[in-house]
């Protein structure tokens, strides 16, 4: 039985194996050589990976200090200096121009505009240019073998140069990608409009916060000058009462009650001082003034500037539902969701791709070294037959969520209108009560001072009367600030913008401030004509 059959090709043919004792290696030598080469390769690979590894590099204290110095310069550069008492309108203008939250929204809007430009450019076809070079150390020769006889039909030959240079310029246009890019560009346009509405919302909130902080700061600036002398007077009276009690000059229980009243007075004054001292810091932050900057506020007469309106709640509801930034944002989100449904349907359509190009090849054996080519392909992922309907259902569900969220937000907006109207009416009532109480307390102070001068009263009664009069004045100022805030909240609730749509000049803060006082009135007048 033959276990092995030896076959050998005739000598002289290509591929003849010529094995002699000179070129045959022992198996152990072959294994050792391969192991050595493998070890060297692994070692080189490990060294390369070790050299390319990235290690954490924490910033140094100098890096943080450099960042801090740059931020301190950037925070307050290119701002108009404060040259006089700041009015409410100028405070609003400075907040609009320099407030960082508002500036952030402006930059987000600009970014959305650039993204829209990019989305529009994505609808252009692809124009691809390629230039290549390939080379080898010998010719790419080959043989041909007959499939019927198995013998070589040609001698060794080559149809390619050893060095080749190629170039092509191909224009590709995918019809489906064009449609989907168009829908995505419309979505990006809606997203840009959403950033505009968010900017409106931030601007409205900033103006409302400026209004609140301004009137609190006005009250603080006027009353702090009165709190300090009264605090000194209370402290002196408290020390005298303590000495009188220790000396037995006064009945103990009466002296303790008097000291308790004085301590309550002193505590209230300290609380007022702390609250009033922080009022201007909040206003400075909204105007992006450096903390600790010295500035004064324009004097205001609260008694003659009480804003009074005749409010039509039904009309205010309609204005709010039309102009609130949140609801407008949901309208744009609704359009984006509907376009998501279109994209889900388009994604199930087979894609048609058209292409044409100019080609060049330096191969000297080629019949033509330059040529034009064209073609078309239709591609489709068959699994989208199963996944496509699910994507459509998800997009429809997202649209339903947007609609329900808008309805819920509409209900909340209508409730806010009623709350803001009620708050305005309550603020007017509270201000009238505080004003009357202020008049009464100052009349009491005048009577008390007259009695002391005539010898019918003591210093205790004067101190208590002065304190009550000061507290009444503060409550009147706070009530007036609440009225102003309630009016501003009405504007915010109905979505009124604090500025007109366009301004003639944005270079000067004082020039811009002139528009703020009339913008709300212009808005309301426009709505009355409807």
Foldseek 3Di string as FASTA:
>chain_A
DDPDDDDADDPPDPPHDDDDPVPDDDPVVVVVVVVVVVVVVVVVVVVVVVVPDDDDDDDDPVVVVVVVVVCVCVLDPPDDDDDAAAELLLLLLLLCVRAPVLVVLVVVLVVLVVVLVVLVVQLAWDKDKDKDKAADPDAPWDWDADPPPRHTPDDIDGLFDRIKIKIKIKTKHKPLSNVLSVLVSLLSVLVSVLSVLVSLLVSLVLSLLLLLLVLLQLLLVVQVVVLVVLLVVLVVVLVVLVVCCVVVVDDNVVSVVLNVVSVVLNVVSVVSNVSNVCSVQSSCNSSSHDPPDDHHHDHDDLVPDQDDDDDDLVLLLVLQCVARSVLSSLVSVLSSLVSQLVSLVSLQAWMKMKMKMWMAMPTPSDPDGIDIDIDMDTDGDVCCVVVSVVSNVVSVVSSVVSVVVSVVVSVVLSVLSVVLVVQLVVLVVQLVVLVVQLVVLVVQLVVQVVCVVVVNDDPSSNSVSSSSNSVSVSSNSVSSSSNSSSVSSSCNSSNQGQADPDDPDSSDSVNRSVRRVCRVVVVVVVSVVD
